[in-house]
């Protein structure tokens, strides 16, 4: 599954494949599926659930890491996460995350019959 999103005036491709969780683990040394399930079980993958009462429970690094992994899957030539993020003046994570939800969830959900 692939999607292109405009971020800071740039067309950015994101892609999810069967290798996405392995790429995440190779780069960040954490289990992609565990991170996703943990965030989802806390209701944190829904922008409307994020408020001042639970924002301290969020680890935004996970979201940046997921975005980078999906971008790296779409374009293997992109640089390391910090250098890649430095290419953006703005990276409105709370606007980007809902756009990536289908890609994120496709790695942990089966297809409907």
N, C-alpha and C. Protein backbone atom coordinates (compact mmCIF):
# COMPACT_ATOMS: atom_id res chain seq x y z
N UNK A 1 0.86 -1.16 0.00
CA UNK A 1 0.00 0.00 0.00
C UNK A 1 0.91 1.23 0.00
N UNK A 2 0.54 2.22 -0.81
CA UNK A 2 1.37 3.42 -0.93
C UNK A 2 0.49 4.67 -0.96
N UNK A 3 1.06 5.76 -0.46
CA UNK A 3 0.33 7.03 -0.39
C UNK A 3 1.33 8.17 -0.49
N UNK A 4 0.92 9.24 -1.15
CA UNK A 4 1.74 10.45 -1.24
C UNK A 4 1.03 11.58 -0.49
N UNK A 5 1.77 12.26 0.35
CA UNK A 5 1.24 13.35 1.17
C UNK A 5 2.12 14.58 0.94
N UNK A 6 1.50 15.74 0.89
CA UNK A 6 2.26 16.99 0.77
C UNK A 6 2.60 17.45 2.19
N UNK A 7 3.90 17.56 2.46
CA UNK A 7 4.40 18.03 3.75
C UNK A 7 5.37 19.17 3.47
N UNK A 8 5.09 20.32 4.04
CA UNK A 8 5.96 21.49 3.88
C UNK A 8 6.19 21.79 2.39
N UNK A 9 5.13 21.62 1.59
CA UNK A 9 5.21 21.91 0.16
C UNK A 9 5.89 20.86 -0.68
N UNK A 10 6.26 19.72 -0.08
CA UNK A 10 6.96 18.66 -0.79
C UNK A 10 6.07 17.42 -0.89
N UNK A 11 6.12 16.76 -2.04
CA UNK A 11 5.43 15.50 -2.22
C UNK A 11 6.27 14.41 -1.54
N UNK A 12 5.70 13.75 -0.52
CA UNK A 12 6.44 12.72 0.21
C UNK A 12 5.68 11.41 0.05
N UNK A 13 6.38 10.41 -0.46
CA UNK A 13 5.79 9.09 -0.64
C UNK A 13 5.98 8.26 0.63
N UNK A 14 4.95 7.52 0.99
CA UNK A 14 4.98 6.59 2.11
C UNK A 14 4.47 5.25 1.59
N UNK A 15 5.05 4.18 2.10
CA UNK A 15 4.66 2.85 1.63
C UNK A 15 4.77 1.85 2.77
N UNK A 16 3.84 0.92 2.77
CA UNK A 16 3.86 -0.16 3.76
C UNK A 16 3.93 -1.48 3.02
N UNK A 17 4.89 -2.31 3.42
CA UNK A 17 5.04 -3.65 2.84
C UNK A 17 5.24 -4.64 3.99
N UNK A 18 5.37 -5.89 3.64
CA UNK A 18 5.63 -6.91 4.65
C UNK A 18 6.97 -6.66 5.36
N UNK A 19 7.88 -5.95 4.71
CA UNK A 19 9.20 -5.68 5.29
C UNK A 19 9.21 -4.47 6.22
N UNK A 20 8.14 -3.71 6.27
CA UNK A 20 8.11 -2.49 7.08
C UNK A 20 8.45 -2.75 8.54
N UNK A 21 7.85 -3.75 9.20
CA UNK A 21 8.21 -4.00 10.61
C UNK A 21 9.69 -4.37 10.79
N UNK A 22 10.25 -5.09 9.83
CA UNK A 22 11.66 -5.47 9.93
C UNK A 22 12.57 -4.26 9.73
N UNK A 23 12.19 -3.38 8.82
CA UNK A 23 12.97 -2.16 8.59
C UNK A 23 12.95 -1.28 9.85
N UNK A 24 11.78 -1.20 10.49
CA UNK A 24 11.64 -0.42 11.72
C UNK A 24 12.56 -0.99 12.81
N UNK A 25 12.53 -2.31 12.98
CA UNK A 25 13.35 -2.94 14.02
C UNK A 25 14.85 -2.78 13.72
N UNK A 26 15.22 -2.90 12.46
CA UNK A 26 16.63 -2.76 12.07
C UNK A 26 17.14 -1.35 12.38
N UNK A 27 16.30 -0.34 12.19
CA UNK A 27 16.72 1.04 12.40
C UNK A 27 16.63 1.46 13.87
N UNK A 28 15.53 1.09 14.53
CA UNK A 28 15.26 1.64 15.86
C UNK A 28 15.39 0.63 17.00
N UNK A 29 15.64 -0.64 16.67
CA UNK A 29 15.85 -1.69 17.67
C UNK A 29 14.66 -1.86 18.61
N UNK A 30 13.48 -1.63 18.07
CA UNK A 30 12.23 -1.84 18.80
C UNK A 30 11.28 -2.58 17.88
N UNK A 31 10.38 -3.33 18.47
CA UNK A 31 9.42 -4.09 17.68
C UNK A 31 8.29 -3.18 17.19
N UNK A 32 8.16 -3.06 15.90
CA UNK A 32 7.16 -2.20 15.27
C UNK A 32 5.75 -2.56 15.71
N UNK A 33 5.43 -3.84 15.66
CA UNK A 33 4.07 -4.26 15.99
C UNK A 33 3.74 -4.01 17.45
N UNK A 34 4.69 -4.22 18.33
CA UNK A 34 4.48 -3.95 19.76
C UNK A 34 4.23 -2.46 19.98
N UNK A 35 5.01 -1.62 19.31
CA UNK A 35 4.83 -0.17 19.44
C UNK A 35 3.44 0.25 18.95
N UNK A 36 3.01 -0.27 17.82
CA UNK A 36 1.70 0.07 17.26
C UNK A 36 0.58 -0.42 18.17
N UNK A 37 0.67 -1.64 18.60
CA UNK A 37 -0.39 -2.20 19.46
C UNK A 37 -0.46 -1.46 20.78
N UNK A 38 0.69 -1.11 21.35
CA UNK A 38 0.72 -0.38 22.61
C UNK A 38 0.03 0.98 22.46
N UNK A 39 0.37 1.70 21.40
CA UNK A 39 -0.25 3.01 21.16
C UNK A 39 -1.75 2.86 20.88
N UNK A 40 -2.09 1.87 20.09
CA UNK A 40 -3.49 1.67 19.74
C UNK A 40 -4.32 1.28 20.96
N UNK A 41 -3.77 0.44 21.83
CA UNK A 41 -4.51 0.01 23.02
C UNK A 41 -4.74 1.17 23.98
N UNK A 42 -3.89 2.17 23.92
CA UNK A 42 -4.06 3.36 24.76
C UNK A 42 -4.99 4.38 24.11
N UNK A 43 -5.46 4.06 22.90
CA UNK A 43 -6.32 5.01 22.19
C UNK A 43 -5.55 6.19 21.65
N UNK A 44 -4.25 6.07 21.50
CA UNK A 44 -3.42 7.21 21.11
C UNK A 44 -3.33 7.40 19.60
N UNK A 45 -3.86 6.47 18.83
CA UNK A 45 -3.75 6.61 17.38
C UNK A 45 -4.90 7.41 16.79
N UNK A 46 -5.70 7.99 17.63
CA UNK A 46 -6.83 8.81 17.20
C UNK A 46 -6.58 10.24 17.64
N UNK A 47 -6.43 11.16 16.69
CA UNK A 47 -6.09 12.56 16.98
C UNK A 47 -7.05 13.19 17.98
N UNK A 48 -8.33 12.81 17.92
CA UNK A 48 -9.32 13.41 18.81
C UNK A 48 -9.11 12.98 20.27
N UNK A 49 -8.41 11.87 20.49
CA UNK A 49 -8.17 11.39 21.85
C UNK A 49 -6.97 12.07 22.52
N UNK A 50 -6.22 12.83 21.76
CA UNK A 50 -5.04 13.48 22.32
C UNK A 50 -5.46 14.81 22.93
N UNK A 51 -5.26 14.94 24.23
CA UNK A 51 -5.58 16.20 24.90
C UNK A 51 -4.52 16.46 25.96
N UNK A 52 -4.64 17.57 26.65
CA UNK A 52 -3.63 17.95 27.63
C UNK A 52 -3.53 16.95 28.77
N UNK A 53 -4.58 16.18 29.01
CA UNK A 53 -4.57 15.21 30.10
C UNK A 53 -3.74 13.98 29.79
N UNK A 54 -3.65 13.59 28.50
CA UNK A 54 -2.91 12.37 28.19
C UNK A 54 -1.70 12.61 27.28
N UNK A 55 -1.43 13.85 26.94
CA UNK A 55 -0.31 14.12 26.03
C UNK A 55 1.03 13.70 26.64
N UNK A 56 1.14 13.72 27.96
CA UNK A 56 2.38 13.30 28.60
C UNK A 56 2.62 11.80 28.49
N UNK A 57 1.57 11.04 28.18
CA UNK A 57 1.70 9.60 28.02
C UNK A 57 2.24 9.22 26.64
N UNK A 58 2.25 10.17 25.72
CA UNK A 58 2.68 9.89 24.35
C UNK A 58 4.18 9.98 24.20
N UNK A 59 4.72 9.08 23.41
CA UNK A 59 6.11 9.15 23.01
C UNK A 59 6.11 9.53 21.53
N UNK A 60 6.22 10.81 21.24
CA UNK A 60 6.12 11.28 19.87
C UNK A 60 7.24 10.73 18.99
N UNK A 61 8.33 10.32 19.60
CA UNK A 61 9.42 9.73 18.82
C UNK A 61 8.93 8.53 18.03
N UNK A 62 8.04 7.75 18.62
CA UNK A 62 7.50 6.58 17.92
C UNK A 62 6.81 7.01 16.63
N UNK A 63 6.03 8.08 16.68
CA UNK A 63 5.32 8.55 15.49
C UNK A 63 6.29 9.03 14.41
N UNK A 64 7.32 9.76 14.82
CA UNK A 64 8.32 10.20 13.85
C UNK A 64 9.04 9.00 13.24
N UNK A 65 9.35 8.01 14.08
CA UNK A 65 10.03 6.82 13.60
C UNK A 65 9.17 6.03 12.62
N UNK A 66 7.88 5.95 12.90
CA UNK A 66 6.97 5.24 11.99
C UNK A 66 6.89 5.98 10.66
N UNK A 67 6.75 7.30 10.71
CA UNK A 67 6.68 8.09 9.48
C UNK A 67 7.94 7.89 8.65
N UNK A 68 9.11 7.94 9.30
CA UNK A 68 10.37 7.75 8.58
C UNK A 68 10.42 6.36 7.96
N UNK A 69 10.01 5.34 8.71
CA UNK A 69 10.07 3.97 8.21
C UNK A 69 9.18 3.81 6.97
N UNK A 70 8.00 4.39 7.01
CA UNK A 70 7.10 4.30 5.85
C UNK A 70 7.67 5.07 4.66
N UNK A 71 8.32 6.20 4.91
CA UNK A 71 8.95 6.96 3.84
C UNK A 71 10.15 6.20 3.28
N UNK A 72 10.94 5.60 4.13
CA UNK A 72 12.12 4.84 3.71
C UNK A 72 11.70 3.62 2.90
N UNK A 73 10.58 3.01 3.26
CA UNK A 73 10.07 1.87 2.50
C UNK A 73 9.69 2.32 1.09
N UNK A 74 9.13 3.51 0.96
CA UNK A 74 8.75 4.04 -0.36
C UNK A 74 9.96 4.51 -1.16
N UNK A 75 10.98 5.02 -0.47
CA UNK A 75 12.15 5.58 -1.15
C UNK A 75 13.41 5.21 -0.38
N UNK A 76 14.05 4.10 -0.76
CA UNK A 76 15.24 3.65 -0.04
C UNK A 76 16.41 4.64 -0.04
N UNK A 77 16.36 5.66 -0.87
CA UNK A 77 17.47 6.60 -0.94
C UNK A 77 17.39 7.70 0.13
N UNK A 78 16.29 7.77 0.89
CA UNK A 78 16.23 8.85 1.88
C UNK A 78 17.27 8.62 2.97
N UNK A 79 17.64 9.70 3.59
CA UNK A 79 18.71 9.67 4.60
C UNK A 79 18.21 9.15 5.95
N UNK A 80 19.10 9.17 6.92
CA UNK A 80 18.75 8.73 8.27
C UNK A 80 17.61 9.59 8.81
N UNK A 81 16.91 9.14 9.86
CA UNK A 81 15.71 9.84 10.34
C UNK A 81 15.92 11.32 10.68
N UNK A 82 16.97 11.65 11.40
CA UNK A 82 17.17 13.04 11.81
C UNK A 82 17.49 13.93 10.61
N UNK A 83 18.36 13.46 9.72
CA UNK A 83 18.69 14.24 8.52
C UNK A 83 17.46 14.41 7.65
N UNK A 84 16.65 13.35 7.50
CA UNK A 84 15.42 13.43 6.71
C UNK A 84 14.46 14.46 7.30
N UNK A 85 14.26 14.42 8.61
CA UNK A 85 13.36 15.38 9.25
C UNK A 85 13.89 16.80 9.16
N UNK A 86 15.21 16.97 9.15
CA UNK A 86 15.80 18.30 9.01
C UNK A 86 15.49 18.92 7.64
N UNK A 87 15.08 18.11 6.67
CA UNK A 87 14.73 18.63 5.35
C UNK A 87 13.40 19.38 5.35
N UNK A 88 12.65 19.30 6.46
CA UNK A 88 11.35 19.95 6.57
C UNK A 88 11.41 21.12 7.54
N UNK A 89 10.87 22.25 7.12
CA UNK A 89 10.71 23.38 8.05
C UNK A 89 9.58 23.06 9.02
N UNK A 90 8.52 22.44 8.49
CA UNK A 90 7.36 22.05 9.29
C UNK A 90 7.08 20.58 9.04
N UNK A 91 6.70 19.88 10.08
CA UNK A 91 6.31 18.47 9.98
C UNK A 91 5.14 18.28 10.95
N UNK A 92 3.94 18.72 10.53
CA UNK A 92 2.78 18.70 11.43
C UNK A 92 2.30 17.28 11.71
N UNK A 93 2.94 16.66 12.66
CA UNK A 93 2.72 15.25 12.95
C UNK A 93 1.26 14.91 13.19
N UNK A 94 0.55 15.75 13.93
CA UNK A 94 -0.85 15.44 14.24
C UNK A 94 -1.75 15.55 13.01
N UNK A 95 -1.30 16.21 11.96
CA UNK A 95 -2.03 16.23 10.70
C UNK A 95 -1.58 15.08 9.80
N UNK A 96 -0.33 14.71 9.89
CA UNK A 96 0.23 13.66 9.04
C UNK A 96 -0.22 12.27 9.51
N UNK A 97 -0.23 12.07 10.79
CA UNK A 97 -0.54 10.74 11.34
C UNK A 97 -1.87 10.17 10.85
N UNK A 98 -2.96 10.92 10.86
CA UNK A 98 -4.21 10.34 10.35
C UNK A 98 -4.12 9.93 8.88
N UNK A 99 -3.30 10.65 8.11
CA UNK A 99 -3.10 10.31 6.70
C UNK A 99 -2.37 8.98 6.54
N UNK A 100 -1.58 8.61 7.54
CA UNK A 100 -0.78 7.38 7.47
C UNK A 100 -1.46 6.18 8.11
N UNK A 101 -2.61 6.39 8.73
CA UNK A 101 -3.25 5.32 9.50
C UNK A 101 -3.53 4.07 8.69
N UNK A 102 -3.99 4.19 7.46
CA UNK A 102 -4.26 3.01 6.64
C UNK A 102 -2.97 2.21 6.41
N UNK A 103 -1.88 2.92 6.18
CA UNK A 103 -0.59 2.24 5.97
C UNK A 103 -0.14 1.54 7.25
N UNK A 104 -0.28 2.23 8.36
CA UNK A 104 0.14 1.65 9.65
C UNK A 104 -0.69 0.42 9.97
N UNK A 105 -1.98 0.54 9.84
CA UNK A 105 -2.86 -0.56 10.22
C UNK A 105 -2.78 -1.73 9.25
N UNK A 106 -2.38 -1.48 8.00
CA UNK A 106 -2.29 -2.57 7.03
C UNK A 106 -1.24 -3.60 7.42
N UNK A 107 -0.29 -3.20 8.25
CA UNK A 107 0.75 -4.14 8.66
C UNK A 107 0.31 -5.06 9.80
N UNK A 108 -0.79 -4.70 10.47
CA UNK A 108 -1.22 -5.53 11.61
C UNK A 108 -2.61 -6.12 11.43
N UNK A 109 -3.34 -5.69 10.42
CA UNK A 109 -4.68 -6.22 10.20
C UNK A 109 -4.69 -7.14 9.00
N UNK A 110 -5.53 -8.13 9.07
CA UNK A 110 -5.73 -9.01 7.92
C UNK A 110 -6.73 -8.39 6.97
N UNK A 111 -6.79 -8.96 5.78
CA UNK A 111 -7.76 -8.47 4.80
C UNK A 111 -9.13 -9.02 5.12
N UNK A 112 -10.14 -8.20 4.87
CA UNK A 112 -11.52 -8.62 5.08
C UNK A 112 -11.93 -9.57 3.97
N UNK A 113 -12.67 -10.60 4.34
CA UNK A 113 -13.14 -11.54 3.33
C UNK A 113 -14.53 -11.21 2.92
